[in-house]
PDB file of N, CA and C in Angstrom:
ATOM      1  N   MET A   1     126.333  55.845 223.749  1.00  0.00           N
ATOM      2  CA  MET A   1     127.510  56.652 223.948  1.00  0.00           C
ATOM      3  C   MET A   1     127.806  57.414 222.659  1.00  0.00           C
ATOM      4  N   ILE A   2     128.183  58.686 222.817  1.00  0.00           N
ATOM      5  CA  ILE A   2     128.480  59.506 221.651  1.00  0.00           C
ATOM      6  C   ILE A   2     129.951  59.390 221.286  1.00  0.00           C
ATOM      7  N   GLN A   3     130.213  59.566 220.013  1.00  0.00           N
ATOM      8  CA  GLN A   3     131.586  59.623 219.535  1.00  0.00           C
ATOM      9  C   GLN A   3     131.694  60.849 218.656  1.00  0.00           C
ATOM     10  N   VAL A   4     132.699  61.670 218.933  1.00  0.00           N
ATOM     11  CA  VAL A   4     132.907  62.876 218.150  1.00  0.00           C
ATOM     12  C   VAL A   4     134.368  62.991 217.772  1.00  0.00           C
ATOM     13  N   THR A   5     134.604  63.676 216.694  1.00  0.00           N
ATOM     14  CA  THR A   5     135.959  63.967 216.255  1.00  0.00           C
ATOM     15  C   THR A   5     136.129  65.470 216.317  1.00  0.00           C
ATOM     16  N   ILE A   6     137.145  65.913 217.021  1.00  0.00           N
ATOM     17  CA  ILE A   6     137.404  67.341 217.153  1.00  0.00           C
ATOM     18  C   ILE A   6     138.776  67.624 216.558  1.00  0.00           C
ATOM     19  N   PRO A   7     138.829  68.561 215.608  1.00  0.00           N
ATOM     20  CA  PRO A   7     140.124  68.883 215.008  1.00  0.00           C
ATOM     21  C   PRO A   7     141.009  69.666 215.976  1.00  0.00           C
ATOM     22  N   LEU A   8     142.274  69.353 215.996  1.00  0.00           N
ATOM     23  CA  LEU A   8     143.245  70.087 216.797  1.00  0.00           C
ATOM     24  C   LEU A   8     144.100  70.914 215.855  1.00  0.00           C
ATOM     25  N   ILE A   9     144.315  72.160 216.219  1.00  0.00           N
ATOM     26  CA  ILE A   9     145.114  73.071 215.409  1.00  0.00           C
ATOM     27  C   ILE A   9     146.399  73.352 216.175  1.00  0.00           C
ATOM     28  N   PRO A  10     147.553  73.037 215.592  1.00  0.00           N
ATOM     29  CA  PRO A  10     148.804  73.283 216.311  1.00  0.00           C
ATOM     30  C   PRO A  10     149.141  74.781 216.328  1.00  0.00           C
ATOM     31  N   THR A  11     149.673  75.254 217.452  1.00  0.00           N
ATOM     32  CA  THR A  11     150.097  76.646 217.562  1.00  0.00           C
ATOM     33  C   THR A  11     151.585  76.748 217.275  1.00  0.00           C
ATOM     34  N   ALA A  12     152.061  77.969 217.101  1.00  0.00           N
ATOM     35  CA  ALA A  12     153.487  78.187 216.872  1.00  0.00           C
ATOM     36  C   ALA A  12     154.317  77.753 218.077  1.00  0.00           C
ATOM     37  N   GLN A  13     153.701  77.789 219.262  1.00  0.00           N
ATOM     38  CA  GLN A  13     154.401  77.386 220.476  1.00  0.00           C
ATOM     39  C   GLN A  13     154.343  75.874 220.697  1.00  0.00           C
ATOM     40  N   GLY A  14     153.667  75.147 219.833  1.00  0.00           N
ATOM     41  CA  GLY A  14     153.619  73.697 219.928  1.00  0.00           C
ATOM     42  C   GLY A  14     152.410  73.127 220.641  1.00  0.00           C
ATOM     43  N   GLY A  15     151.576  73.962 221.224  1.00  0.00           N
ATOM     44  CA  GLY A  15     150.374  73.486 221.913  1.00  0.00           C
ATOM     45  C   GLY A  15     149.205  73.362 220.944  1.00  0.00           C
ATOM     46  N   PRO A  16     148.225  72.550 221.296  1.00  0.00           N
ATOM     47  CA  PRO A  16     147.059  72.398 220.420  1.00  0.00           C
ATOM     48  C   PRO A  16     145.947  73.399 220.773  1.00  0.00           C
ATOM     49  N   LEU A  17     145.221  73.827 219.766  1.00  0.00           N
ATOM     50  CA  LEU A  17     144.024  74.630 219.943  1.00  0.00           C
ATOM     51  C   LEU A  17     142.838  73.818 219.442  1.00  0.00           C
ATOM     52  N   ILE A  18     141.711  74.003 220.069  1.00  0.00           N
ATOM     53  CA  ILE A  18     140.474  73.356 219.637  1.00  0.00           C
ATOM     54  C   ILE A  18     139.510  74.473 219.261  1.00  0.00           C
ATOM     55  N   PRO A  19     138.902  74.426 218.075  1.00  0.00           N
ATOM     56  CA  PRO A  19     137.960  75.471 217.693  1.00  0.00           C
ATOM     57  C   PRO A  19     136.827  75.589 218.714  1.00  0.00           C
ATOM     58  N   ALA A  20     136.533  76.817 219.124  1.00  0.00           N
ATOM     59  CA  ALA A  20     135.536  77.068 220.163  1.00  0.00           C
ATOM     60  C   ALA A  20     134.170  76.507 219.794  1.00  0.00           C
ATOM     61  N   ASP A  21     133.788  76.591 218.522  1.00  0.00           N
ATOM     62  CA  ASP A  21     132.472  76.067 218.142  1.00  0.00           C
ATOM     63  C   ASP A  21     132.403  74.559 218.323  1.00  0.00           C
ATOM     64  N   GLN A  22     133.526  73.884 218.179  1.00  0.00           N
ATOM     65  CA  GLN A  22     133.567  72.443 218.414  1.00  0.00           C
ATOM     66  C   GLN A  22     133.443  72.135 219.906  1.00  0.00           C
ATOM     67  N   VAL A  23     134.077  72.959 220.729  1.00  0.00           N
ATOM     68  CA  VAL A  23     134.004  72.768 222.186  1.00  0.00           C
ATOM     69  C   VAL A  23     132.572  72.975 222.662  1.00  0.00           C
ATOM     70  N   THR A  24     131.939  74.072 222.229  1.00  0.00           N
ATOM     71  CA  THR A  24     130.580  74.349 222.688  1.00  0.00           C
ATOM     72  C   THR A  24     129.598  73.303 222.174  1.00  0.00           C
ATOM     73  N   ALA A  25     129.798  72.839 220.951  1.00  0.00           N
ATOM     74  CA  ALA A  25     128.930  71.779 220.422  1.00  0.00           C
ATOM     75  C   ALA A  25     129.088  70.500 221.241  1.00  0.00           C
ATOM     76  N   LEU A  26     130.322  70.186 221.619  1.00  0.00           N
ATOM     77  CA  LEU A  26     130.574  68.997 222.441  1.00  0.00           C
ATOM     78  C   LEU A  26     129.906  69.120 223.807  1.00  0.00           C
ATOM     79  N   LEU A  27     130.043  70.269 224.448  1.00  0.00           N
ATOM     80  CA  LEU A  27     129.412  70.470 225.757  1.00  0.00           C
ATOM     81  C   LEU A  27     127.896  70.299 225.663  1.00  0.00           C
ATOM     82  N   ARG A  28     127.295  70.885 224.637  1.00  0.00           N
ATOM     83  CA  ARG A  28     125.839  70.767 224.474  1.00  0.00           C
ATOM     84  C   ARG A  28     125.429  69.331 224.163  1.00  0.00           C
ATOM     85  N   ARG A  29     126.225  68.650 223.374  1.00  0.00           N
ATOM     86  CA  ARG A  29     125.925  67.256 223.022  1.00  0.00           C
ATOM     87  C   ARG A  29     126.001  66.351 224.246  1.00  0.00           C
ATOM     88  N   ILE A  30     126.988  66.568 225.089  1.00  0.00           N
ATOM     89  CA  ILE A  30     127.108  65.789 226.322  1.00  0.00           C
ATOM     90  C   ILE A  30     125.889  66.022 227.206  1.00  0.00           C
ATOM     91  N   ALA A  31     125.486  67.290 227.344  1.00  0.00           N
ATOM     92  CA  ALA A  31     124.319  67.619 228.170  1.00  0.00           C
ATOM     93  C   ALA A  31     123.075  66.899 227.672  1.00  0.00           C
ATOM     94  N   VAL A  32     122.841  66.945 226.370  1.00  0.00           N
ATOM     95  CA  VAL A  32     121.668  66.282 225.792  1.00  0.00           C
ATOM     96  C   VAL A  32     121.763  64.773 225.968  1.00  0.00           C
ATOM     97  N   ASP A  33     122.959  64.218 225.792  1.00  0.00           N
ATOM     98  CA  ASP A  33     123.153  62.778 225.933  1.00  0.00           C
ATOM     99  C   ASP A  33     122.896  62.318 227.359  1.00  0.00           C
ATOM    100  N   TRP A  34     123.338  63.099 228.348  1.00  0.00           N
ATOM    101  CA  TRP A  34     123.077  62.752 229.749  1.00  0.00           C
ATOM    102  C   TRP A  34     121.579  62.688 230.025  1.00  0.00           C
ATOM    103  N   VAL A  35     120.868  63.734 229.619  1.00  0.00           N
ATOM    104  CA  VAL A  35     119.422  63.789 229.873  1.00  0.00           C
ATOM    105  C   VAL A  35     118.723  62.635 229.168  1.00  0.00           C
ATOM    106  N   HIS A  36     119.099  62.376 227.927  1.00  0.00           N
ATOM    107  CA  HIS A  36     118.497  61.274 227.164  1.00  0.00           C
ATOM    108  C   HIS A  36     118.774  59.930 227.843  1.00  0.00           C
ATOM    109  N   SER A  37     119.989  59.743 228.328  1.00  0.00           N
ATOM    110  CA  SER A  37     120.348  58.482 228.983  1.00  0.00           C
ATOM    111  C   SER A  37     119.528  58.239 230.242  1.00  0.00           C
ATOM    112  N   VAL A  38     119.256  59.303 230.985  1.00  0.00           N
ATOM    113  CA  VAL A  38     118.422  59.157 232.178  1.00  0.00           C
ATOM    114  C   VAL A  38     116.974  58.896 231.779  1.00  0.00           C
ATOM    115  N   ASP A  39     116.488  59.633 230.772  1.00  0.00           N
ATOM    116  CA  ASP A  39     115.098  59.474 230.324  1.00  0.00           C
ATOM    117  C   ASP A  39     114.808  58.062 229.813  1.00  0.00           C
ATOM    118  N   THR A  40     115.778  57.450 229.162  1.00  0.00           N
ATOM    119  CA  THR A  40     115.582  56.112 228.593  1.00  0.00           C
ATOM    120  C   THR A  40     115.938  54.995 229.567  1.00  0.00           C
ATOM    121  N   GLY A  41     116.484  55.366 230.738  1.00  0.00           N
ATOM    122  CA  GLY A  41     116.872  54.357 231.718  1.00  0.00           C
ATOM    123  C   GLY A  41     118.240  53.764 231.467  1.00  0.00           C
ATOM    124  N   GLU A  42     118.946  54.270 230.488  1.00  0.00           N
ATOM    125  CA  GLU A  42     120.287  53.781 230.167  1.00  0.00           C
ATOM    126  C   GLU A  42     121.283  54.116 231.280  1.00  0.00           C
ATOM    127  N   MET A  43     121.033  55.242 231.958  1.00  0.00           N
ATOM    128  CA  MET A  43     121.890  55.656 233.060  1.00  0.00           C
ATOM    129  C   MET A  43     121.022  55.783 234.311  1.00  0.00           C
ATOM    130  N   ALA A  44     121.447  55.111 235.358  1.00  0.00           N
ATOM    131  CA  ALA A  44     120.711  55.175 236.617  1.00  0.00           C
ATOM    132  C   ALA A  44     121.260  56.323 237.442  1.00  0.00           C
ATOM    133  N   ALA A  45     120.577  57.450 237.401  1.00  0.00           N
ATOM    134  CA  ALA A  45     120.997  58.623 238.165  1.00  0.00           C
ATOM    135  C   ALA A  45     119.762  59.450 238.481  1.00  0.00           C
ATOM    136  N   ASP A  46     119.903  60.323 239.448  1.00  0.00           N
ATOM    137  CA  ASP A  46     118.809  61.209 239.816  1.00  0.00           C
ATOM    138  C   ASP A  46     118.554  62.184 238.660  1.00  0.00           C
ATOM    139  N   ALA A  47     117.341  62.184 238.136  1.00  0.00           N
ATOM    140  CA  ALA A  47     116.998  63.001 236.978  1.00  0.00           C
ATOM    141  C   ALA A  47     117.204  64.485 237.259  1.00  0.00           C
ATOM    142  N   GLY A  48     116.875  64.930 238.456  1.00  0.00           N
ATOM    143  CA  GLY A  48     117.054  66.338 238.793  1.00  0.00           C
ATOM    144  C   GLY A  48     118.507  66.754 238.797  1.00  0.00           C
ATOM    145  N   THR A  49     119.353  65.899 239.345  1.00  0.00           N
ATOM    146  CA  THR A  49     120.787  66.183 239.381  1.00  0.00           C
ATOM    147  C   THR A  49     121.362  66.225 237.970  1.00  0.00           C
ATOM    148  N   VAL A  50     120.981  65.259 237.157  1.00  0.00           N
ATOM    149  CA  VAL A  50     121.470  65.218 235.776  1.00  0.00           C
ATOM    150  C   VAL A  50     120.999  66.450 235.011  1.00  0.00           C
ATOM    151  N   GLN A  51     119.750  66.846 235.219  1.00  0.00           N
ATOM    152  CA  GLN A  51     119.223  68.039 234.550  1.00  0.00           C
ATOM    153  C   GLN A  51     120.015  69.279 234.969  1.00  0.00           C
ATOM    154  N   ASN A  52     120.315  69.384 236.259  1.00  0.00           N
ATOM    155  CA  ASN A  52     121.111  70.522 236.741  1.00  0.00           C
ATOM    156  C   ASN A  52     122.509  70.527 236.137  1.00  0.00           C
ATOM    157  N   LEU A  53     123.132  69.361 236.079  1.00  0.00           N
ATOM    158  CA  LEU A  53     124.464  69.272 235.475  1.00  0.00           C
ATOM    159  C   LEU A  53     124.420  69.603 233.982  1.00  0.00           C
ATOM    160  N   ALA A  54     123.388  69.142 233.305  1.00  0.00           N
ATOM    161  CA  ALA A  54     123.230  69.441 231.883  1.00  0.00           C
ATOM    162  C   ALA A  54     123.058  70.945 231.672  1.00  0.00           C
ATOM    163  N   GLU A  55     122.319  71.594 232.560  1.00  0.00           N
ATOM    164  CA  GLU A  55     122.140  73.042 232.459  1.00  0.00           C
ATOM    165  C   GLU A  55     123.454  73.781 232.669  1.00  0.00           C
ATOM    166  N   VAL A  56     124.278  73.288 233.589  1.00  0.00           N
ATOM    167  CA  VAL A  56     125.592  73.908 233.821  1.00  0.00           C
ATOM    168  C   VAL A  56     126.444  73.808 232.558  1.00  0.00           C
ATOM    169  N   LEU A  57     126.441  72.645 231.914  1.00  0.00           N
ATOM    170  CA  LEU A  57     127.213  72.490 230.675  1.00  0.00           C
ATOM    171  C   LEU A  57     126.696  73.420 229.589  1.00  0.00           C
ATOM    172  N   SER A  58     125.389  73.537 229.478  1.00  0.00           N
ATOM    173  CA  SER A  58     124.798  74.419 228.473  1.00  0.00           C
ATOM    174  C   SER A  58     125.141  75.880 228.746  1.00  0.00           C
ATOM    175  N   GLU A  59     125.094  76.273 230.019  1.00  0.00           N
ATOM    176  CA  GLU A  59     125.454  77.644 230.383  1.00  0.00           C
ATOM    177  C   GLU A  59     126.925  77.920 230.104  1.00  0.00           C
ATOM    178  N   LEU A  60     127.781  76.935 230.349  1.00  0.00           N
ATOM    179  CA  LEU A  60     129.205  77.083 230.043  1.00  0.00           C
ATOM    180  C   LEU A  60     129.394  77.271 228.542  1.00  0.00           C
ATOM    181  N   ALA A  61     128.705  76.476 227.749  1.00  0.00           N
ATOM    182  CA  ALA A  61     128.786  76.607 226.295  1.00  0.00           C
ATOM    183  C   ALA A  61     128.316  77.995 225.856  1.00  0.00           C
ATOM    184  N   ASP A  62     127.218  78.472 226.433  1.00  0.00           N
ATOM    185  CA  ASP A  62     126.718  79.814 226.116  1.00  0.00           C
ATOM    186  C   ASP A  62     127.755  80.880 226.477  1.00  0.00           C
ATOM    187  N   SER A  63     128.381  80.730 227.630  1.00  0.00           N
ATOM    188  CA  SER A  63     129.383  81.686 228.084  1.00  0.00           C
ATOM    189  C   SER A  63     130.581  81.720 227.131  1.00  0.00           C
ATOM    190  N   ILE A  64     131.027  80.562 226.693  1.00  0.00           N
ATOM    191  CA  ILE A  64     132.141  80.497 225.737  1.00  0.00           C
ATOM    192  C   ILE A  64     131.742  81.175 224.432  1.00  0.00           C
ATOM    193  N   ASP A  65     130.528  80.922 223.956  1.00  0.00           N
ATOM    194  CA  ASP A  65     130.046  81.564 222.735  1.00  0.00           C
ATOM    195  C   ASP A  65     130.054  83.088 222.874  1.00  0.00           C
ATOM    196  N   VAL A  66     129.554  83.584 224.003  1.00  0.00           N
ATOM    197  CA  VAL A  66     129.497  85.036 224.229  1.00  0.00           C
ATOM    198  C   VAL A  66     130.901  85.631 224.249  1.00  0.00           C
ATOM    199  N   GLU A  67     131.813  84.970 224.939  1.00  0.00           N
ATOM    200  CA  GLU A  67     133.191  85.465 224.999  1.00  0.00           C
ATOM    201  C   GLU A  67     133.834  85.491 223.611  1.00  0.00           C
ATOM    202  N   CYS A  68     133.579  84.466 222.818  1.00  0.00           N
ATOM    203  CA  CYS A  68     134.155  84.418 221.468  1.00  0.00           C
ATOM    204  C   CYS A  68     133.558  85.498 220.577  1.00  0.00           C
ATOM    205  N   ILE A  69     132.262  85.709 220.700  1.00  0.00           N
ATOM    206  CA  ILE A  69     131.613  86.767 219.918  1.00  0.00           C
ATOM    207  C   ILE A  69     132.187  88.126 220.319  1.00  0.00           C
ATOM    208  N   ALA A  70     132.330  88.357 221.599  1.00  0.00           N
ATOM    209  CA  ALA A  70     132.889  89.624 222.072  1.00  0.00           C
ATOM    210  C   ALA A  70     134.325  89.803 221.583  1.00  0.00           C
ATOM    211  N   PHE A  71     135.092  88.746 221.637  1.00  0.00           N
ATOM    212  CA  PHE A  71     136.497  88.807 221.216  1.00  0.00           C
ATOM    213  C   PHE A  71     136.624  89.139 219.738  1.00  0.00           C
ATOM    214  N   THR A  72     135.813  88.510 218.926  1.00  0.00           N
ATOM    215  CA  THR A  72     135.911  88.722 217.479  1.00  0.00           C
ATOM    216  C   THR A  72     135.195  89.984 217.024  1.00  0.00           C
ATOM    217  N   SER A  73     134.403  90.608 217.888  1.00  0.00           N
ATOM    218  CA  SER A  73     133.647  91.800 217.523  1.00  0.00           C
ATOM    219  C   SER A  73     134.396  93.096 217.799  1.00  0.00           C
ATOM    220  N   VAL A  74     135.490  93.041 218.540  1.00  0.00           N
ATOM    221  CA  VAL A  74     136.249  94.248 218.859  1.00  0.00           C
ATOM    222  C   VAL A  74     137.181  94.543 217.696  1.00  0.00           C
ATOM    223  N   PRO A  75     136.946  95.648 216.952  1.00  0.00           N
ATOM    224  CA  PRO A  75     137.733  95.903 215.748  1.00  0.00           C
ATOM    225  C   PRO A  75     139.198  96.263 216.006  1.00  0.00           C
ATOM    226  N   ASP A  76     139.493  97.009 217.046  1.00  0.00           N
ATOM    227  CA  ASP A  76     140.860  97.453 217.294  1.00  0.00           C
ATOM    228  C   ASP A  76     141.446  96.806 218.540  1.00  0.00           C
ATOM    229  N   ARG A  77     141.258  95.508 218.674  1.00  0.00           N
ATOM    230  CA  ARG A  77     141.752  94.826 219.857  1.00  0.00           C
ATOM    231  C   ARG A  77     143.275  94.704 219.807  1.00  0.00           C
ATOM    232  N   GLN A  78     143.861  94.650 220.965  1.00  0.00           N
ATOM    233  CA  GLN A  78     145.300  94.461 221.078  1.00  0.00           C
ATOM    234  C   GLN A  78     145.606  92.982 220.911  1.00  0.00           C
ATOM    235  N   PRO A  79     146.704  92.641 220.217  1.00  0.00           N
ATOM    236  CA  PRO A  79     147.047  91.219 220.061  1.00  0.00           C
ATOM    237  C   PRO A  79     147.320  90.568 221.413  1.00  0.00           C
ATOM    238  N   ARG A  80     146.909  89.334 221.559  1.00  0.00           N
ATOM    239  CA  ARG A  80     147.175  88.568 222.778  1.00  0.00           C
ATOM    240  C   ARG A  80     148.596  88.031 222.728  1.00  0.00           C
ATOM    241  N   ALA A  81     149.100  87.612 223.868  1.00  0.00           N
ATOM    242  CA  ALA A  81     150.469  87.103 223.950  1.00  0.00           C
ATOM    243  C   ALA A  81     150.690  85.892 223.056  1.00  0.00           C
ATOM    244  N   TRP A  82     149.646  85.093 222.827  1.00  0.00           N
ATOM    245  CA  TRP A  82     149.809  83.872 222.035  1.00  0.00           C
ATOM    246  C   TRP A  82     149.646  84.121 220.542  1.00  0.00           C
ATOM    247  N   GLU A  83     149.308  85.332 220.149  1.00  0.00           N
ATOM    248  CA  GLU A  83     149.136  85.612 218.720  1.00  0.00           C
ATOM    249  C   GLU A  83     150.422  86.058 218.086  1.00  0.00           C
TER     250      GLU A  83
END
């Protein structure tokens, strides 16, 4: 089982933010851990199903990365409501 520490950043409105790179790293780590657990017999599950789920997590992480890159790459972006 993996253990990770993710920093939470408080917002002015009182809600927590999690750095996107930490979220994507966590998603990828979970995907790898699932596949490894099935490969080693630690988790009894259908290998194909686990592989598909791991791919979904990896694709989600990729999508978050792309959105963050796009967001930070726009030089004259309008401020968001939470900024």
